[in-house]
Amino acid sequence: MGEENGDAYCCLTGGRGTSCFRVESVISVDDRGQMVLPKLIRDRAGIAAGEKLAAVSWEKDGRVCCISLIKARDLTEMVSGLLSPMMEEIVGR
């Protein structure tokens, strides 16, 4: 855990290199369940108006503990990358 420009962040090093996460902002959910993704984050992530985001949740002990947003097009590429070798192996048999 560290601090850069007053922001809390954490980097983990493993077999696939180093990955970091940072607390970018604390946002509120209104009565209708809506929230605003701050402009600074949208700009840094290259998120444009109308872009689709996938909400991905992780569970721990039967309860959702983390929710991440992934650009839908990036999620599609990730799934393709994971499934393509498996499909090649199945088709190649």
N, C-alpha and C. Protein backbone atom coordinates (compact mmCIF):
# COMPACT_ATOMS: atom_id res chain seq x y z
N MET A 1 0.86 -1.17 0.00
CA MET A 1 0.00 0.00 0.00
C MET A 1 0.90 1.22 0.00
N GLY A 2 0.54 2.20 -0.78
CA GLY A 2 1.33 3.40 -0.85
C GLY A 2 0.45 4.61 -1.02
N GLU A 3 1.09 5.73 -1.25
CA GLU A 3 0.34 6.96 -1.47
C GLU A 3 1.07 7.79 -2.51
N GLU A 4 0.30 8.25 -3.49
CA GLU A 4 0.84 9.05 -4.58
C GLU A 4 -0.13 10.19 -4.82
N ASN A 5 0.32 11.40 -4.73
CA ASN A 5 -0.54 12.57 -4.92
C ASN A 5 -1.75 12.53 -3.99
N GLY A 6 -1.59 11.97 -2.80
CA GLY A 6 -2.69 11.90 -1.85
C GLY A 6 -3.67 10.76 -2.09
N ASP A 7 -3.48 9.98 -3.16
CA ASP A 7 -4.37 8.86 -3.47
C ASP A 7 -3.78 7.57 -2.91
N ALA A 8 -4.62 6.72 -2.31
CA ALA A 8 -4.17 5.43 -1.82
C ALA A 8 -4.09 4.46 -2.98
N TYR A 9 -3.02 3.67 -3.03
CA TYR A 9 -2.90 2.66 -4.08
C TYR A 9 -2.17 1.45 -3.53
N CYS A 10 -2.29 0.33 -4.25
CA CYS A 10 -1.65 -0.91 -3.85
C CYS A 10 -1.19 -1.63 -5.11
N CYS A 11 0.04 -2.11 -5.11
CA CYS A 11 0.56 -2.87 -6.25
C CYS A 11 0.91 -4.27 -5.77
N LEU A 12 0.58 -5.26 -6.59
CA LEU A 12 0.87 -6.66 -6.28
C LEU A 12 1.73 -7.23 -7.40
N THR A 13 2.76 -7.94 -7.03
CA THR A 13 3.63 -8.56 -8.02
C THR A 13 3.44 -10.06 -7.97
N GLY A 14 3.25 -10.64 -9.14
CA GLY A 14 3.02 -12.07 -9.21
C GLY A 14 3.62 -12.64 -10.47
N GLY A 15 3.22 -13.84 -10.84
CA GLY A 15 3.74 -14.53 -12.01
C GLY A 15 3.48 -13.80 -13.32
N ARG A 16 2.47 -12.96 -13.37
CA ARG A 16 2.13 -12.25 -14.60
C ARG A 16 2.53 -10.78 -14.54
N GLY A 17 3.46 -10.44 -13.68
CA GLY A 17 3.91 -9.06 -13.61
C GLY A 17 3.28 -8.34 -12.43
N THR A 18 3.30 -7.03 -12.51
CA THR A 18 2.78 -6.20 -11.43
C THR A 18 1.45 -5.59 -11.84
N SER A 19 0.49 -5.66 -10.95
CA SER A 19 -0.77 -4.98 -11.19
C SER A 19 -1.05 -4.08 -9.99
N CYS A 20 -1.66 -2.96 -10.28
CA CYS A 20 -1.93 -1.99 -9.22
C CYS A 20 -3.39 -1.59 -9.23
N PHE A 21 -3.89 -1.23 -8.07
CA PHE A 21 -5.20 -0.62 -8.01
C PHE A 21 -5.09 0.61 -7.14
N ARG A 22 -5.99 1.55 -7.39
CA ARG A 22 -5.96 2.82 -6.70
C ARG A 22 -7.39 3.22 -6.35
N VAL A 23 -7.58 3.80 -5.20
CA VAL A 23 -8.87 4.36 -4.85
C VAL A 23 -8.96 5.68 -5.60
N GLU A 24 -9.72 5.69 -6.69
CA GLU A 24 -9.83 6.86 -7.55
C GLU A 24 -10.79 7.89 -6.99
N SER A 25 -11.89 7.40 -6.44
CA SER A 25 -12.94 8.30 -6.00
C SER A 25 -13.92 7.52 -5.14
N VAL A 26 -14.61 8.21 -4.29
CA VAL A 26 -15.72 7.62 -3.55
C VAL A 26 -16.98 8.25 -4.13
N ILE A 27 -17.89 7.42 -4.61
CA ILE A 27 -19.10 7.93 -5.26
C ILE A 27 -20.33 7.47 -4.50
N SER A 28 -21.41 8.20 -4.67
CA SER A 28 -22.67 7.88 -4.00
C SER A 28 -23.66 7.30 -4.99
N VAL A 29 -24.56 6.48 -4.47
CA VAL A 29 -25.65 5.92 -5.26
C VAL A 29 -26.91 6.66 -4.83
N ASP A 30 -27.67 7.18 -5.82
CA ASP A 30 -28.89 7.92 -5.47
C ASP A 30 -30.08 6.98 -5.27
N ASP A 31 -31.23 7.55 -4.99
CA ASP A 31 -32.44 6.76 -4.71
C ASP A 31 -32.84 5.84 -5.86
N ARG A 32 -32.48 6.22 -7.09
CA ARG A 32 -32.82 5.39 -8.26
C ARG A 32 -31.73 4.38 -8.58
N GLY A 33 -30.68 4.33 -7.76
CA GLY A 33 -29.59 3.38 -8.00
C GLY A 33 -28.56 3.89 -8.99
N GLN A 34 -28.62 5.16 -9.33
CA GLN A 34 -27.68 5.72 -10.29
C GLN A 34 -26.49 6.35 -9.58
N MET A 35 -25.38 6.38 -10.29
CA MET A 35 -24.17 7.02 -9.77
C MET A 35 -23.46 7.70 -10.92
N VAL A 36 -22.60 8.64 -10.61
CA VAL A 36 -21.84 9.37 -11.63
C VAL A 36 -20.39 8.92 -11.57
N LEU A 37 -19.87 8.50 -12.71
CA LEU A 37 -18.45 8.17 -12.82
C LEU A 37 -17.72 9.49 -13.08
N PRO A 38 -16.86 9.93 -12.18
CA PRO A 38 -16.22 11.24 -12.32
C PRO A 38 -15.50 11.42 -13.66
N LYS A 39 -15.53 12.65 -14.18
CA LYS A 39 -14.95 12.98 -15.47
C LYS A 39 -13.47 12.61 -15.54
N LEU A 40 -12.71 12.87 -14.49
CA LEU A 40 -11.29 12.54 -14.49
C LEU A 40 -11.07 11.05 -14.76
N ILE A 41 -11.87 10.20 -14.14
CA ILE A 41 -11.75 8.75 -14.35
C ILE A 41 -12.17 8.39 -15.77
N ARG A 42 -13.30 8.96 -16.25
CA ARG A 42 -13.74 8.69 -17.62
C ARG A 42 -12.67 9.10 -18.62
N ASP A 43 -12.06 10.25 -18.42
CA ASP A 43 -11.01 10.71 -19.33
C ASP A 43 -9.80 9.79 -19.30
N ARG A 44 -9.34 9.42 -18.10
CA ARG A 44 -8.16 8.55 -17.98
C ARG A 44 -8.41 7.18 -18.58
N ALA A 45 -9.65 6.69 -18.47
CA ALA A 45 -9.99 5.35 -18.98
C ALA A 45 -10.45 5.38 -20.43
N GLY A 46 -10.61 6.58 -20.99
CA GLY A 46 -11.06 6.68 -22.37
C GLY A 46 -12.49 6.23 -22.54
N ILE A 47 -13.34 6.53 -21.56
CA ILE A 47 -14.75 6.13 -21.62
C ILE A 47 -15.56 7.29 -22.18
N ALA A 48 -16.23 7.05 -23.30
CA ALA A 48 -17.03 8.08 -23.97
C ALA A 48 -18.51 7.89 -23.62
N ALA A 49 -19.28 8.95 -23.82
CA ALA A 49 -20.73 8.87 -23.58
C ALA A 49 -21.31 7.75 -24.44
N GLY A 50 -22.19 6.96 -23.86
CA GLY A 50 -22.84 5.88 -24.58
C GLY A 50 -22.06 4.57 -24.60
N GLU A 51 -20.83 4.59 -24.12
CA GLU A 51 -20.02 3.35 -24.12
C GLU A 51 -20.61 2.35 -23.13
N LYS A 52 -20.57 1.08 -23.48
CA LYS A 52 -21.10 0.01 -22.64
C LYS A 52 -20.02 -0.48 -21.69
N LEU A 53 -20.41 -0.64 -20.42
CA LEU A 53 -19.51 -1.17 -19.40
C LEU A 53 -20.15 -2.42 -18.80
N ALA A 54 -19.35 -3.44 -18.55
CA ALA A 54 -19.83 -4.64 -17.89
C ALA A 54 -19.53 -4.51 -16.40
N ALA A 55 -20.52 -4.77 -15.56
CA ALA A 55 -20.33 -4.77 -14.12
C ALA A 55 -20.01 -6.21 -13.71
N VAL A 56 -18.84 -6.41 -13.14
CA VAL A 56 -18.39 -7.74 -12.75
C VAL A 56 -18.27 -7.76 -11.23
N SER A 57 -18.88 -8.77 -10.60
CA SER A 57 -18.84 -8.84 -9.14
C SER A 57 -18.04 -10.05 -8.67
N TRP A 58 -17.46 -9.92 -7.51
CA TRP A 58 -16.77 -11.01 -6.84
C TRP A 58 -17.47 -11.26 -5.52
N GLU A 59 -17.58 -12.53 -5.15
CA GLU A 59 -18.22 -12.90 -3.89
C GLU A 59 -17.21 -13.48 -2.93
N LYS A 60 -17.43 -13.20 -1.68
CA LYS A 60 -16.63 -13.80 -0.61
C LYS A 60 -17.60 -14.21 0.47
N ASP A 61 -17.54 -15.46 0.87
CA ASP A 61 -18.44 -16.00 1.90
C ASP A 61 -19.91 -15.74 1.56
N GLY A 62 -20.26 -15.90 0.27
CA GLY A 62 -21.64 -15.79 -0.16
C GLY A 62 -22.18 -14.38 -0.30
N ARG A 63 -21.32 -13.37 -0.19
CA ARG A 63 -21.81 -12.00 -0.35
C ARG A 63 -20.88 -11.23 -1.27
N VAL A 64 -21.47 -10.36 -2.09
CA VAL A 64 -20.68 -9.56 -3.04
C VAL A 64 -19.82 -8.58 -2.26
N CYS A 65 -18.52 -8.64 -2.51
CA CYS A 65 -17.60 -7.74 -1.80
C CYS A 65 -16.97 -6.71 -2.73
N CYS A 66 -16.90 -7.02 -4.02
CA CYS A 66 -16.24 -6.12 -4.97
C CYS A 66 -17.04 -6.04 -6.27
N ILE A 67 -17.10 -4.86 -6.83
CA ILE A 67 -17.74 -4.66 -8.13
C ILE A 67 -16.76 -3.87 -8.99
N SER A 68 -16.45 -4.39 -10.17
CA SER A 68 -15.55 -3.71 -11.11
C SER A 68 -16.30 -3.40 -12.39
N LEU A 69 -15.89 -2.34 -13.05
CA LEU A 69 -16.45 -1.99 -14.35
C LEU A 69 -15.39 -2.26 -15.41
N ILE A 70 -15.76 -2.97 -16.47
CA ILE A 70 -14.85 -3.29 -17.56
C ILE A 70 -15.53 -2.87 -18.86
N LYS A 71 -14.79 -2.20 -19.72
CA LYS A 71 -15.36 -1.83 -21.02
C LYS A 71 -15.83 -3.11 -21.70
N ALA A 72 -17.05 -3.10 -22.22
CA ALA A 72 -17.64 -4.31 -22.82
C ALA A 72 -16.77 -4.85 -23.94
N ARG A 73 -16.20 -3.98 -24.77
CA ARG A 73 -15.35 -4.46 -25.87
C ARG A 73 -14.09 -5.14 -25.34
N ASP A 74 -13.54 -4.65 -24.22
CA ASP A 74 -12.37 -5.28 -23.63
C ASP A 74 -12.72 -6.63 -23.02
N LEU A 75 -13.89 -6.72 -22.43
CA LEU A 75 -14.34 -7.99 -21.85
C LEU A 75 -14.50 -9.03 -22.95
N THR A 76 -15.06 -8.61 -24.08
CA THR A 76 -15.23 -9.52 -25.22
C THR A 76 -13.87 -10.04 -25.68
N GLU A 77 -12.87 -9.16 -25.76
CA GLU A 77 -11.53 -9.57 -26.17
C GLU A 77 -10.91 -10.53 -25.15
N MET A 78 -11.14 -10.26 -23.85
CA MET A 78 -10.59 -11.13 -22.80
C MET A 78 -11.18 -12.53 -22.91
N VAL A 79 -12.50 -12.61 -23.06
CA VAL A 79 -13.17 -13.91 -23.14
C VAL A 79 -12.71 -14.65 -24.40
N SER A 80 -12.62 -13.94 -25.52
CA SER A 80 -12.13 -14.55 -26.75
C SER A 80 -10.73 -15.11 -26.57
N GLY A 81 -9.87 -14.33 -25.93
CA GLY A 81 -8.49 -14.77 -25.69
C GLY A 81 -8.42 -16.02 -24.83
N LEU A 82 -9.34 -16.13 -23.86
CA LEU A 82 -9.36 -17.30 -22.99
C LEU A 82 -9.96 -18.52 -23.69
N LEU A 83 -11.02 -18.30 -24.48
CA LEU A 83 -11.72 -19.43 -25.08
C LEU A 83 -11.10 -19.91 -26.39
N SER A 84 -10.43 -19.04 -27.13
CA SER A 84 -9.88 -19.43 -28.43
C SER A 84 -8.96 -20.64 -28.35
N PRO A 85 -7.98 -20.66 -27.44
CA PRO A 85 -7.12 -21.85 -27.37
C PRO A 85 -7.90 -23.12 -27.04
N MET A 86 -8.90 -23.00 -26.18
CA MET A 86 -9.71 -24.16 -25.81
C MET A 86 -10.50 -24.65 -27.03
N MET A 87 -11.07 -23.72 -27.78
CA MET A 87 -11.85 -24.10 -28.96
C MET A 87 -10.94 -24.73 -30.02
N GLU A 88 -9.74 -24.19 -30.19
CA GLU A 88 -8.79 -24.77 -31.16
C GLU A 88 -8.45 -26.19 -30.78
N GLU A 89 -8.28 -26.43 -29.48
CA GLU A 89 -7.95 -27.77 -29.00
C GLU A 89 -9.12 -28.72 -29.25
N ILE A 90 -10.34 -28.27 -29.02
CA ILE A 90 -11.53 -29.11 -29.24
C ILE A 90 -11.70 -29.39 -30.73
N VAL A 91 -11.61 -28.38 -31.55
CA VAL A 91 -11.81 -28.53 -32.99
C VAL A 91 -10.67 -29.34 -33.60
N GLY A 92 -9.47 -29.19 -33.07
CA GLY A 92 -8.31 -29.87 -33.60
C GLY A 92 -8.30 -31.36 -33.35
N ARG A 93 -9.15 -31.83 -32.49
CA ARG A 93 -9.18 -33.26 -32.13
C ARG A 93 -9.88 -34.07 -33.17
